Protein backbone atom coordinates (compact mmCIF):
# COMPACT_ATOMS: atom_id res chain seq x y z
CA UNK A 1 -7.18 -3.24 16.52
CA UNK A 2 -7.13 -1.29 12.90
CA UNK A 3 -4.50 -1.39 11.43
CA UNK A 4 -3.37 1.45 9.10
CA UNK A 5 -1.23 1.70 6.09
CA UNK A 6 -0.20 5.23 6.25
CA UNK A 7 2.57 8.00 6.21
CA UNK A 8 5.10 8.50 8.46
CA UNK A 9 6.62 12.40 7.30
CA UNK A 10 11.37 12.08 7.91
CA UNK A 11 13.17 15.16 7.05
CA UNK A 12 14.19 18.12 7.72
CA UNK A 13 12.69 21.00 7.39
CA UNK A 14 11.15 22.26 4.14
CA UNK A 15 12.47 19.72 2.43
CA UNK A 16 9.97 16.60 4.31
CA UNK A 17 10.16 12.38 3.03
CA UNK A 18 7.96 10.19 3.93
CA UNK A 19 8.19 6.28 5.43
CA UNK A 20 5.16 4.36 4.34
CA UNK A 21 4.57 2.38 7.39
CA UNK A 22 1.58 0.09 8.89
CA UNK A 23 0.70 1.32 12.08
CA UNK A 24 -2.58 1.12 14.81
CA UNK A 25 -4.77 3.55 13.94
CA UNK A 26 -4.72 4.87 17.38
CA UNK A 27 -1.33 5.47 17.66
CA UNK A 28 0.07 9.27 16.44
CA UNK A 29 1.35 10.24 12.82
CA UNK A 30 5.17 9.81 13.37
CA UNK A 31 4.77 7.37 16.73
CA UNK A 32 4.76 3.92 17.25
CA UNK A 33 4.25 1.17 13.59
CA UNK A 34 4.74 -2.34 12.91
CA UNK A 35 6.62 -2.67 9.67
CA UNK A 36 7.83 0.14 7.04
CA UNK A 37 6.73 -1.20 3.60
CA UNK A 38 8.48 2.10 1.36
CA UNK A 39 9.55 5.50 1.16
CA UNK A 40 8.09 8.47 -0.50
CA UNK A 41 10.23 11.50 -1.70
CA UNK A 42 7.95 14.14 -2.54
CA UNK A 43 10.24 16.20 -4.32
CA UNK A 44 12.59 13.50 -6.28
CA UNK A 45 9.78 13.70 -9.33
CA UNK A 46 10.24 10.58 -11.35
CA UNK A 47 11.39 8.11 -8.43
CA UNK A 48 9.20 9.28 -5.72
CA UNK A 49 7.76 6.33 -4.53
CA UNK A 50 9.87 3.17 -3.24
CA UNK A 51 7.33 0.04 -2.29
CA UNK A 52 8.01 -3.33 -1.25
CA UNK A 53 4.99 -4.49 -3.06
CA UNK A 54 4.82 -7.84 -1.94
CA UNK A 55 4.35 -6.82 1.60
CA UNK A 56 2.30 -4.19 0.81
CA UNK A 57 -0.38 -6.70 -0.76
CA UNK A 58 -0.02 -8.99 2.56
CA UNK A 59 -1.10 -6.45 4.27
CA UNK A 60 -3.85 -5.78 2.58
CA UNK A 61 -4.93 -9.16 2.33
CA UNK A 62 -4.98 -8.95 5.88
CA UNK A 63 -7.21 -5.61 6.32
CA UNK A 64 -4.99 -3.12 6.43
CA UNK A 65 -6.65 0.12 5.20
CA UNK A 66 -4.28 1.95 3.53
CA UNK A 67 -4.85 5.90 4.03
CA UNK A 68 -5.98 8.62 1.17
CA UNK A 69 -3.02 9.74 0.26
CA UNK A 70 -0.83 6.12 0.27
CA UNK A 71 -4.16 5.07 -1.59
CA UNK A 72 -2.93 7.60 -3.97
CA UNK A 73 0.32 6.37 -4.30
CA UNK A 74 -0.68 2.39 -4.08
CA UNK A 75 -2.40 3.31 -7.54
CA UNK A 76 0.14 4.93 -9.11
CA UNK A 77 2.98 2.54 -8.40
CA UNK A 78 -0.10 -0.20 -9.72
CA UNK A 79 -0.33 -2.46 -6.58
CA UNK A 80 -4.31 -1.65 -7.17
CA UNK A 81 -4.60 -2.58 -10.41
CA UNK A 82 -2.41 -5.60 -10.20
CA UNK A 83 -4.89 -6.77 -7.15
CA UNK A 84 -8.22 -6.17 -9.00
CA UNK A 85 -6.78 -7.48 -11.82
CA UNK A 86 -5.50 -11.06 -10.07
CA UNK A 87 -8.85 -11.08 -8.14
CA UNK A 88 -10.80 -10.43 -11.50
CA UNK A 89 -8.56 -13.48 -13.01
CA UNK A 90 -9.71 -15.45 -10.32
CA UNK A 91 -13.14 -15.18 -9.93
CA UNK A 92 -13.37 -15.49 -13.41
CA UNK A 93 -11.95 -19.06 -13.85
CA UNK A 94 -13.81 -19.50 -10.85
CA UNK A 95 -17.13 -19.13 -12.83
CA UNK A 96 -15.94 -21.43 -15.53
CA UNK A 97 -17.48 -24.51 -15.96
CA UNK A 98 -15.00 -27.35 -17.33
CA UNK A 99 -16.81 -28.37 -21.42
CA UNK A 100 -17.66 -31.96 -21.05
CA UNK A 101 -16.93 -33.50 -23.79
């Protein structure tokens, strides 16, 4: 099962809001999903994205692939940068050799 993090459309005509959901890649856009991670309201301005960062990181760690739009939203929210920095820090810490006295 290919798990995707993608948008699910909500709201009324001409006023869309989207839920950021984890779903099987084969299910339809507004169909069955596994978990809701947050909301995206493109017309809300500064407060457009509300996201559960811990759950997003959990799903990304377990192999879920974000869609292009969700990837850009995660980038704007700072999730991808924080993930990159923590992974880089652990890699550098593993490489560091303790100094023997």
